C-alpha atoms as a PDB file:
ATOM      1  CA  MET A   1    -142.423 -36.293  -5.193  1.00  0.00           C
ATOM      2  CA  LYS A   2    -141.060 -39.818  -5.647  1.00  0.00           C
ATOM      3  CA  ARG A   3    -138.322 -40.603  -3.121  1.00  0.00           C
ATOM      4  CA  LEU A   4    -135.874 -43.499  -3.080  1.00  0.00           C
ATOM      5  CA  ILE A   5    -134.215 -44.147   0.294  1.00  0.00           C
ATOM      6  CA  PHE A   6    -131.130 -46.338   0.708  1.00  0.00           C
ATOM      7  CA  GLY A   7    -130.969 -47.756   4.224  1.00  0.00           C
ATOM      8  CA  SER A   8    -133.636 -48.968   6.638  1.00  0.00           C
ATOM      9  CA  GLY A   9    -132.335 -47.959  10.053  1.00  0.00           C
ATOM     10  CA  LYS A  10    -133.649 -45.453  12.597  1.00  0.00           C
ATOM     11  CA  THR A  11    -133.415 -42.345  10.430  1.00  0.00           C
ATOM     12  CA  ALA A  12    -134.623 -43.987   7.223  1.00  0.00           C
ATOM     13  CA  SER A  13    -137.669 -45.470   8.959  1.00  0.00           C
ATOM     14  CA  ILE A  14    -138.698 -42.142  10.488  1.00  0.00           C
ATOM     15  CA  ILE A  15    -138.212 -39.948   7.407  1.00  0.00           C
ATOM     16  CA  LYS A  16    -140.050 -42.426   5.148  1.00  0.00           C
ATOM     17  CA  ASN A  17    -143.379 -41.178   3.809  1.00  0.00           C
ATOM     18  CA  ASP A  18    -146.182 -43.185   2.255  1.00  0.00           C
ATOM     19  CA  GLY A  19    -145.136 -43.887  -1.302  1.00  0.00           C
ATOM     20  CA  ASP A  20    -141.404 -43.680  -0.637  1.00  0.00           C
ATOM     21  CA  ILE A  21    -139.347 -46.676  -1.708  1.00  0.00           C
ATOM     22  CA  MET A  22    -136.954 -47.828   1.009  1.00  0.00           C
ATOM     23  CA  ILE A  23    -134.103 -50.164   0.054  1.00  0.00           C
ATOM     24  CA  PRO A  24    -132.656 -52.113   3.015  1.00  0.00           C
ATOM     25  CA  HIS A  25    -129.076 -53.340   3.118  1.00  0.00           C
ATOM     26  CA  GLN A  26    -130.247 -56.901   2.447  1.00  0.00           C
ATOM     27  CA  GLN A  27    -131.670 -55.771  -0.886  1.00  0.00           C
ATOM     28  CA  CYS A  28    -128.796 -53.517  -1.887  1.00  0.00           C
ATOM     29  CA  ASP A  29    -125.413 -52.848  -0.319  1.00  0.00           C
ATOM     30  CA  ILE A  30    -124.512 -49.308  -1.391  1.00  0.00           C
ATOM     31  CA  THR A  31    -120.912 -50.428  -1.959  1.00  0.00           C
ATOM     32  CA  ASN A  32    -122.281 -52.294  -5.004  1.00  0.00           C
ATOM     33  CA  ALA A  33    -122.183 -49.450  -7.525  1.00  0.00           C
ATOM     34  CA  PRO A  34    -123.797 -51.285 -10.488  1.00  0.00           C
ATOM     35  CA  LEU A  35    -126.730 -52.440  -8.350  1.00  0.00           C
ATOM     36  CA  VAL A  36    -127.219 -48.975  -6.841  1.00  0.00           C
ATOM     37  CA  ARG A  37    -127.323 -47.452 -10.313  1.00  0.00           C
ATOM     38  CA  THR A  38    -129.662 -50.144 -11.663  1.00  0.00           C
ATOM     39  CA  ILE A  39    -132.165 -49.669  -8.830  1.00  0.00           C
ATOM     40  CA  THR A  40    -132.035 -45.893  -9.143  1.00  0.00           C
ATOM     41  CA  LYS A  41    -132.587 -46.056 -12.891  1.00  0.00           C
ATOM     42  CA  GLU A  42    -135.522 -48.470 -12.507  1.00  0.00           C
ATOM     43  CA  VAL A  43    -137.245 -46.341  -9.860  1.00  0.00           C
ATOM     44  CA  ASN A  44    -136.407 -43.051 -11.599  1.00  0.00           C
ATOM     45  CA  PRO A  45    -137.045 -40.980  -8.440  1.00  0.00           C
ATOM     46  CA  ASP A  46    -137.181 -37.225  -7.935  1.00  0.00           C
ATOM     47  CA  VAL A  47    -135.085 -37.536  -4.766  1.00  0.00           C
ATOM     48  CA  VAL A  48    -132.503 -40.104  -3.689  1.00  0.00           C
ATOM     49  CA  VAL A  49    -131.683 -40.201   0.036  1.00  0.00           C
ATOM     50  CA  ASN A  50    -128.671 -42.019   1.441  1.00  0.00           C
ATOM     51  CA  CYS A  51    -129.224 -43.092   5.045  1.00  0.00           C
ATOM     52  CA  ALA A  52    -126.894 -46.101   4.972  1.00  0.00           C
ATOM     53  CA  ALA A  53    -123.778 -45.884   7.151  1.00  0.00           C
ATOM     54  CA  LYS A  54    -121.549 -47.607   9.667  1.00  0.00           C
ATOM     55  CA  THR A  55    -121.793 -45.558  12.874  1.00  0.00           C
ATOM     56  CA  ASN A  56    -120.455 -47.583  15.805  1.00  0.00           C
ATOM     57  CA  LEU A  57    -117.097 -46.006  16.593  1.00  0.00           C
ATOM     58  CA  GLU A  58    -115.463 -49.197  17.837  1.00  0.00           C
ATOM     59  CA  TYR A  59    -116.665 -51.191  14.823  1.00  0.00           C
ATOM     60  CA  CYS A  60    -115.461 -48.476  12.468  1.00  0.00           C
ATOM     61  CA  GLU A  61    -112.020 -48.388  14.057  1.00  0.00           C
ATOM     62  CA  ASP A  62    -111.666 -52.167  13.890  1.00  0.00           C
ATOM     63  CA  ASN A  63    -113.072 -52.485  10.354  1.00  0.00           C
ATOM     64  CA  LYS A  64    -111.537 -49.571   8.495  1.00  0.00           C
ATOM     65  CA  ARG A  65    -111.920 -50.909   4.954  1.00  0.00           C
ATOM     66  CA  ILE A  66    -115.584 -51.894   5.350  1.00  0.00           C
ATOM     67  CA  THR A  67    -116.308 -48.554   7.010  1.00  0.00           C
ATOM     68  CA  PHE A  68    -114.534 -46.622   4.260  1.00  0.00           C
ATOM     69  CA  ASP A  69    -116.408 -48.542   1.572  1.00  0.00           C
ATOM     70  CA  THR A  70    -119.771 -47.921   3.264  1.00  0.00           C
ATOM     71  CA  ASN A  71    -119.326 -44.361   4.550  1.00  0.00           C
ATOM     72  CA  THR A  72    -117.227 -42.863   1.760  1.00  0.00           C
ATOM     73  CA  VAL A  73    -117.456 -44.975  -1.405  1.00  0.00           C
ATOM     74  CA  GLY A  74    -121.099 -45.928  -0.826  1.00  0.00           C
ATOM     75  CA  PRO A  75    -122.435 -42.347  -0.801  1.00  0.00           C
ATOM     76  CA  ILE A  76    -120.436 -41.652  -3.959  1.00  0.00           C
ATOM     77  CA  ASN A  77    -122.146 -44.624  -5.629  1.00  0.00           C
ATOM     78  CA  VAL A  78    -125.582 -43.318  -4.591  1.00  0.00           C
ATOM     79  CA  LEU A  79    -124.646 -39.829  -5.771  1.00  0.00           C
ATOM     80  CA  MET A  80    -123.648 -41.187  -9.181  1.00  0.00           C
ATOM     81  CA  GLY A  81    -126.954 -43.014  -9.487  1.00  0.00           C
ATOM     82  CA  ALA A  82    -128.866 -39.847  -8.606  1.00  0.00           C
ATOM     83  CA  ALA A  83    -126.809 -37.775 -11.040  1.00  0.00           C
ATOM     84  CA  GLU A  84    -127.491 -40.178 -13.914  1.00  0.00           C
ATOM     85  CA  THR A  85    -131.254 -39.774 -13.435  1.00  0.00           C
ATOM     86  CA  GLY A  86    -131.139 -36.063 -12.571  1.00  0.00           C
ATOM     87  CA  ALA A  87    -132.573 -36.641  -9.088  1.00  0.00           C
ATOM     88  CA  LYS A  88    -131.790 -34.500  -6.069  1.00  0.00           C
ATOM     89  CA  PHE A  89    -129.252 -36.329  -3.920  1.00  0.00           C
ATOM     90  CA  VAL A  90    -129.605 -36.138  -0.130  1.00  0.00           C
ATOM     91  CA  HIS A  91    -126.804 -37.455   2.061  1.00  0.00           C
ATOM     92  CA  ILE A  92    -127.090 -37.866   5.830  1.00  0.00           C
ATOM     93  CA  SER A  93    -123.709 -36.789   7.152  1.00  0.00           C
ATOM     94  CA  SER A  94    -122.752 -36.014  10.765  1.00  0.00           C
ATOM     95  CA  GLY A  95    -122.055 -33.046  13.004  1.00  0.00           C
ATOM     96  CA  CYS A  96    -119.434 -35.223  14.702  1.00  0.00           C
ATOM     97  CA  ILE A  97    -116.877 -34.134  12.107  1.00  0.00           C
ATOM     98  CA  PHE A  98    -116.415 -31.103  14.389  1.00  0.00           C
ATOM     99  CA  ASP A  99    -114.625 -31.759  17.678  1.00  0.00           C
ATOM    100  CA  GLY A 100    -114.776 -29.221  20.491  1.00  0.00           C
ATOM    101  CA  ASN A 101    -117.510 -27.069  22.003  1.00  0.00           C
ATOM    102  CA  ASP A 102    -115.206 -24.080  22.410  1.00  0.00           C
ATOM    103  CA  ARG A 103    -116.528 -22.849  19.043  1.00  0.00           C
ATOM    104  CA  VAL A 104    -119.798 -22.714  17.142  1.00  0.00           C
ATOM    105  CA  CYS A 105    -119.527 -24.560  13.827  1.00  0.00           C
ATOM    106  CA  ASP A 106    -121.482 -23.470  10.777  1.00  0.00           C
ATOM    107  CA  GLU A 107    -121.645 -25.158   7.386  1.00  0.00           C
ATOM    108  CA  ASP A 108    -118.385 -23.538   6.270  1.00  0.00           C
ATOM    109  CA  SER A 109    -116.358 -24.439   9.353  1.00  0.00           C
ATOM    110  CA  VAL A 110    -113.286 -26.613   8.835  1.00  0.00           C
ATOM    111  CA  ALA A 111    -113.788 -30.173  10.068  1.00  0.00           C
ATOM    112  CA  ASN A 112    -111.366 -31.529  12.661  1.00  0.00           C
ATOM    113  CA  THR A 113    -112.024 -35.254  12.677  1.00  0.00           C
ATOM    114  CA  SER A 114    -110.779 -37.480  15.493  1.00  0.00           C
ATOM    115  CA  VAL A 115    -111.609 -41.108  14.666  1.00  0.00           C
ATOM    116  CA  TRP A 116    -112.012 -43.297  11.583  1.00  0.00           C
ATOM    117  CA  TYR A 117    -115.802 -42.902  11.515  1.00  0.00           C
ATOM    118  CA  THR A 118    -115.598 -39.124  11.284  1.00  0.00           C
ATOM    119  CA  HIS A 119    -112.756 -39.281   8.755  1.00  0.00           C
ATOM    120  CA  THR A 120    -114.939 -41.363   6.426  1.00  0.00           C
ATOM    121  CA  LYS A 121    -117.924 -39.020   6.822  1.00  0.00           C
ATOM    122  CA  LYS A 122    -115.760 -35.988   6.087  1.00  0.00           C
ATOM    123  CA  TRP A 123    -114.305 -37.570   2.953  1.00  0.00           C
ATOM    124  CA  ALA A 124    -117.783 -38.288   1.599  1.00  0.00           C
ATOM    125  CA  ASP A 125    -118.829 -34.670   2.217  1.00  0.00           C
ATOM    126  CA  GLU A 126    -115.734 -33.403   0.432  1.00  0.00           C
ATOM    127  CA  TYR A 127    -116.342 -35.555  -2.636  1.00  0.00           C
ATOM    128  CA  ILE A 128    -120.006 -34.605  -2.875  1.00  0.00           C
ATOM    129  CA  THR A 129    -119.263 -30.883  -2.707  1.00  0.00           C
ATOM    130  CA  ALA A 130    -116.416 -31.084  -5.240  1.00  0.00           C
ATOM    131  CA  CYS A 131    -117.650 -33.578  -7.847  1.00  0.00           C
ATOM    132  CA  GLY A 132    -119.595 -31.044  -9.932  1.00  0.00           C
ATOM    133  CA  TYR A 133    -123.164 -32.298  -9.401  1.00  0.00           C
ATOM    134  CA  GLU A 134    -124.878 -29.342  -7.764  1.00  0.00           C
ATOM    135  CA  ASN A 135    -128.339 -30.762  -7.024  1.00  0.00           C
ATOM    136  CA  TYR A 136    -127.475 -32.145  -3.608  1.00  0.00           C
ATOM    137  CA  LEU A 137    -128.145 -31.719   0.096  1.00  0.00           C
ATOM    138  CA  ILE A 138    -125.700 -32.719   2.821  1.00  0.00           C
ATOM    139  CA  LEU A 139    -127.460 -32.787   6.185  1.00  0.00           C
ATOM    140  CA  ARG A 140    -125.496 -32.776   9.454  1.00  0.00           C
ATOM    141  CA  PRO A 141    -127.384 -33.862  12.592  1.00  0.00           C
ATOM    142  CA  ARG A 142    -125.879 -34.244  16.052  1.00  0.00           C
ATOM    143  CA  GLN A 143    -126.707 -36.465  19.085  1.00  0.00           C
ATOM    144  CA  MET A 144    -129.746 -38.084  17.484  1.00  0.00           C
ATOM    145  CA  ILE A 145    -132.657 -38.963  19.768  1.00  0.00           C
ATOM    146  CA  SER A 146    -136.077 -40.320  18.880  1.00  0.00           C
ATOM    147  CA  ALA A 147    -139.310 -41.535  20.436  1.00  0.00           C
ATOM    148  CA  THR A 148    -138.739 -44.795  18.540  1.00  0.00           C
ATOM    149  CA  PRO A 149    -136.478 -47.311  20.331  1.00  0.00           C
ATOM    150  CA  HIS A 150    -133.467 -48.322  18.258  1.00  0.00           C
ATOM    151  CA  PRO A 151    -129.908 -49.467  19.072  1.00  0.00           C
ATOM    152  CA  THR A 152    -128.496 -46.223  17.583  1.00  0.00           C
ATOM    153  CA  ASN A 153    -130.984 -44.003  19.430  1.00  0.00           C
ATOM    154  CA  MET A 154    -129.126 -42.189  22.230  1.00  0.00           C
ATOM    155  CA  LEU A 155    -132.058 -42.761  24.595  1.00  0.00           C
ATOM    156  CA  THR A 156    -132.027 -46.491  23.888  1.00  0.00           C
ATOM    157  CA  LYS A 157    -128.267 -46.618  24.388  1.00  0.00           C
ATOM    158  CA  PHE A 158    -128.510 -44.955  27.794  1.00  0.00           C
ATOM    159  CA  ALA A 159    -131.457 -47.089  28.883  1.00  0.00           C
ATOM    160  CA  GLN A 160    -129.532 -50.323  28.328  1.00  0.00           C
ATOM    161  CA  TYR A 161    -127.270 -49.573  31.297  1.00  0.00           C
ATOM    162  CA  ASP A 162    -127.919 -50.024  35.015  1.00  0.00           C
ATOM    163  CA  GLU A 163    -125.327 -47.355  35.818  1.00  0.00           C
ATOM    164  CA  ILE A 164    -123.985 -44.644  33.558  1.00  0.00           C
ATOM    165  CA  PHE A 165    -121.170 -42.084  33.775  1.00  0.00           C
ATOM    166  CA  VAL A 166    -121.881 -38.927  31.777  1.00  0.00           C
ATOM    167  CA  HIS A 167    -120.457 -35.431  31.531  1.00  0.00           C
ATOM    168  CA  ALA A 168    -122.212 -32.066  31.551  1.00  0.00           C
ATOM    169  CA  GLU A 169    -120.563 -30.451  28.534  1.00  0.00           C
ATOM    170  CA  LEU A 170    -122.953 -28.514  26.282  1.00  0.00           C
ATOM    171  CA  ASN A 171    -123.717 -30.038  22.877  1.00  0.00           C
ATOM    172  CA  SER A 172    -126.159 -29.677  20.012  1.00  0.00           C
ATOM    173  CA  LEU A 173    -128.946 -32.231  19.668  1.00  0.00           C
ATOM    174  CA  THR A 174    -131.188 -33.499  16.864  1.00  0.00           C
ATOM    175  CA  CYS A 175    -134.597 -35.053  17.400  1.00  0.00           C
ATOM    176  CA  VAL A 176    -135.032 -37.420  14.436  1.00  0.00           C
ATOM    177  CA  GLU A 177    -138.735 -36.621  14.160  1.00  0.00           C
ATOM    178  CA  ASP A 178    -137.789 -32.934  13.825  1.00  0.00           C
ATOM    179  CA  PHE A 179    -135.017 -33.894  11.416  1.00  0.00           C
ATOM    180  CA  SER A 180    -137.685 -35.455   9.197  1.00  0.00           C
ATOM    181  CA  GLU A 181    -139.508 -32.107   9.162  1.00  0.00           C
ATOM    182  CA  MET A 182    -136.271 -30.306   8.320  1.00  0.00           C
ATOM    183  CA  LEU A 183    -135.730 -32.604   5.342  1.00  0.00           C
ATOM    184  CA  GLU A 184    -139.295 -32.049   4.122  1.00  0.00           C
ATOM    185  CA  HIS A 185    -138.838 -28.284   4.375  1.00  0.00           C
ATOM    186  CA  LEU A 186    -135.516 -28.286   2.523  1.00  0.00           C
ATOM    187  CA  LEU A 187    -136.964 -30.386  -0.287  1.00  0.00           C
ATOM    188  CA  LYS A 188    -140.135 -28.316  -0.639  1.00  0.00           C
ATOM    189  CA  THR A 189    -138.128 -25.101  -0.825  1.00  0.00           C
ATOM    190  CA  ASP A 190    -135.635 -26.721  -3.240  1.00  0.00           C
ATOM    191  CA  GLN A 191    -132.567 -25.944  -1.157  1.00  0.00           C
ATOM    192  CA  ARG A 192    -129.096 -27.109  -2.129  1.00  0.00           C
ATOM    193  CA  GLY A 193    -125.783 -27.453  -0.331  1.00  0.00           C
ATOM    194  CA  ILE A 194    -124.847 -28.253   3.260  1.00  0.00           C
ATOM    195  CA  PHE A 195    -127.191 -27.720   6.215  1.00  0.00           C
ATOM    196  CA  ASN A 196    -126.629 -28.275   9.910  1.00  0.00           C
ATOM    197  CA  CYS A 197    -129.826 -29.924  11.162  1.00  0.00           C
ATOM    198  CA  CYS A 198    -130.219 -29.551  14.912  1.00  0.00           C
ATOM    199  CA  ASN A 199    -132.706 -28.229  17.424  1.00  0.00           C
ATOM    200  CA  ASP A 200    -132.355 -24.776  18.960  1.00  0.00           C
ATOM    201  CA  GLY A 201    -130.164 -24.337  22.002  1.00  0.00           C
ATOM    202  CA  LEU A 202    -127.818 -26.738  23.730  1.00  0.00           C
ATOM    203  CA  ILE A 203    -128.068 -29.701  26.055  1.00  0.00           C
ATOM    204  CA  THR A 204    -125.698 -32.030  27.898  1.00  0.00           C
ATOM    205  CA  PRO A 205    -125.412 -35.832  27.961  1.00  0.00           C
ATOM    206  CA  TYR A 206    -126.040 -35.523  31.714  1.00  0.00           C
ATOM    207  CA  ASP A 207    -129.409 -33.830  31.006  1.00  0.00           C
ATOM    208  CA  ILE A 208    -130.302 -36.627  28.611  1.00  0.00           C
ATOM    209  CA  ALA A 209    -129.346 -39.332  31.109  1.00  0.00           C
ATOM    210  CA  LEU A 210    -131.439 -37.712  33.846  1.00  0.00           C
ATOM    211  CA  GLY A 211    -134.373 -37.643  31.423  1.00  0.00           C
ATOM    212  CA  VAL A 212    -133.944 -41.344  30.672  1.00  0.00           C
ATOM    213  CA  LYS A 213    -133.956 -42.036  34.400  1.00  0.00           C
ATOM    214  CA  LYS A 214    -137.099 -39.950  34.952  1.00  0.00           C
ATOM    215  CA  TYR A 215    -139.202 -41.242  32.070  1.00  0.00           C
ATOM    216  CA  ILE A 216    -137.794 -44.541  30.820  1.00  0.00           C
ATOM    217  CA  LYS A 217    -135.694 -46.342  33.436  1.00  0.00           C
ATOM    218  CA  PRO A 218    -136.107 -45.104  37.034  1.00  0.00           C
ATOM    219  CA  SER A 219    -133.549 -47.619  38.288  1.00  0.00           C
ATOM    220  CA  LEU A 220    -130.790 -46.079  36.149  1.00  0.00           C
ATOM    221  CA  GLU A 221    -127.961 -44.742  38.315  1.00  0.00           C
ATOM    222  CA  VAL A 222    -126.618 -41.534  36.767  1.00  0.00           C
ATOM    223  CA  ASN A 223    -123.148 -40.294  37.706  1.00  0.00           C
ATOM    224  CA  LYS A 224    -121.919 -36.864  36.630  1.00  0.00           C
ATOM    225  CA  VAL A 225    -118.235 -36.962  35.699  1.00  0.00           C
ATOM    226  CA  THR A 226    -115.787 -34.775  33.795  1.00  0.00           C
ATOM    227  CA  TYR A 227    -115.433 -34.984  30.033  1.00  0.00           C
ATOM    228  CA  GLU A 228    -111.837 -36.094  30.525  1.00  0.00           C
ATOM    229  CA  TYR A 229    -113.035 -38.982  32.664  1.00  0.00           C
ATOM    230  CA  THR A 230    -115.510 -40.155  30.001  1.00  0.00           C
ATOM    231  CA  LEU A 231    -112.712 -40.214  27.437  1.00  0.00           C
ATOM    232  CA  LYS A 232    -110.877 -42.720  29.632  1.00  0.00           C
ATOM    233  CA  LEU A 233    -113.930 -44.989  29.624  1.00  0.00           C
ATOM    234  CA  GLN A 234    -114.095 -45.292  25.825  1.00  0.00           C
ATOM    235  CA  PRO A 235    -111.437 -46.743  23.506  1.00  0.00           C
ATOM    236  CA  ASN A 236    -112.291 -44.156  20.823  1.00  0.00           C
ATOM    237  CA  ARG A 237    -112.758 -40.436  21.309  1.00  0.00           C
ATOM    238  CA  ARG A 238    -116.264 -39.025  21.742  1.00  0.00           C
ATOM    239  CA  VAL A 239    -116.624 -35.414  20.696  1.00  0.00           C
ATOM    240  CA  ASN A 240    -118.432 -32.341  21.921  1.00  0.00           C
ATOM    241  CA  THR A 241    -120.002 -30.316  19.127  1.00  0.00           C
ATOM    242  CA  ILE A 242    -121.971 -27.093  18.920  1.00  0.00           C
ATOM    243  CA  LEU A 243    -123.634 -26.498  15.551  1.00  0.00           C
ATOM    244  CA  SER A 244    -125.110 -23.283  14.226  1.00  0.00           C
ATOM    245  CA  ASN A 245    -128.539 -23.844  12.670  1.00  0.00           C
ATOM    246  CA  ASP A 246    -128.851 -20.257  11.399  1.00  0.00           C
ATOM    247  CA  LYS A 247    -128.658 -21.349   7.762  1.00  0.00           C
ATOM    248  CA  ILE A 248    -131.714 -23.606   7.852  1.00  0.00           C
ATOM    249  CA  LYS A 249    -133.611 -21.075   9.975  1.00  0.00           C
ATOM    250  CA  ASN A 250    -132.892 -18.444   7.321  1.00  0.00           C
ATOM    251  CA  THR A 251    -134.802 -20.611   4.826  1.00  0.00           C
ATOM    252  CA  GLY A 252    -137.945 -20.228   6.965  1.00  0.00           C
ATOM    253  CA  TYR A 253    -137.696 -23.307   9.173  1.00  0.00           C
ATOM    254  CA  SER A 254    -138.427 -22.824  12.883  1.00  0.00           C
ATOM    255  CA  ALA A 255    -136.729 -25.397  15.098  1.00  0.00           C
ATOM    256  CA  ARG A 256    -138.039 -26.229  18.560  1.00  0.00           C
ATOM    257  CA  SER A 257    -135.576 -26.149  21.446  1.00  0.00           C
ATOM    258  CA  ALA A 258    -133.345 -29.078  22.325  1.00  0.00           C
ATOM    259  CA  HIS A 259    -134.901 -29.259  25.789  1.00  0.00           C
ATOM    260  CA  ALA A 260    -138.448 -29.293  24.373  1.00  0.00           C
ATOM    261  CA  ALA A 261    -137.456 -31.974  21.854  1.00  0.00           C
ATOM    262  CA  LEU A 262    -135.897 -34.097  24.608  1.00  0.00           C
ATOM    263  CA  GLU A 263    -138.983 -33.765  26.798  1.00  0.00           C
ATOM    264  CA  TRP A 264    -141.245 -34.770  23.892  1.00  0.00           C
ATOM    265  CA  THR A 265    -139.185 -37.814  22.912  1.00  0.00           C
ATOM    266  CA  LEU A 266    -138.978 -39.031  26.513  1.00  0.00           C
ATOM    267  CA  LYS A 267    -142.720 -38.693  27.092  1.00  0.00           C
ATOM    268  CA  ASN A 268    -143.495 -40.466  23.818  1.00  0.00           C
ATOM    269  CA  TYR A 269    -140.727 -43.054  23.898  1.00  0.00           C
ATOM    270  CA  ALA A 270    -141.869 -46.488  22.712  1.00  0.00           C
ATOM    271  CA  LYS A 271    -145.542 -45.431  22.504  1.00  0.00           C
ATOM    272  CA  ALA A 272    -145.895 -45.861  18.754  1.00  0.00           C
END
């Protein structure tokens, strides 16, 4: 199975298999539709994966046009390239389009976006599902952690602080290494449509911070605060999200628990 991956960040690097062709931003900005289509046509892949995105909430809020072009228009460009060659299109979306852990969100739940980043991710999802090309996968992870250090890795983010203030609200979590397995499973079983991609069970940012302190940075001072307090610390709203992963489990995939995934990533952090 020949795979073409747009993007070279944390997720792209981990899901990449031997033989996959990974296109970094420096080689192709996905907002450049003609170039995206030319590369896709030249490679003629079986699967096209879009991992490129703007994800920093503050950057997205301050750079709305660039974020819209990258997170909404860009995936459409990649989709069009995939459609022209008949390849399966895989788009990495986000569980953050759902705000509030007072409900469990499945793939058919109505998004309630809060900030510009989540607006742009929702718009891309809506176009992909409505454009008429049915050979697609939209994958929605949440709170992505990995054993590989990276600026967008939640563990790396927490470890950069000397003191951190975190709440104990339950959330879904996605180990990127497990996410890679989920993608492999969905491709091998030729699934289509939207899939929430998260580990079993729930975990809190406070649990994650305590893990970082135990395994990565013992000097980290962890303070448990209310969710309302954390919202005052950030200029843009951070969400709580609980995702149902029943749909992917019904395809035969068995997800390990969020707590087991966290323990594994912490013990293996930066060892590769």
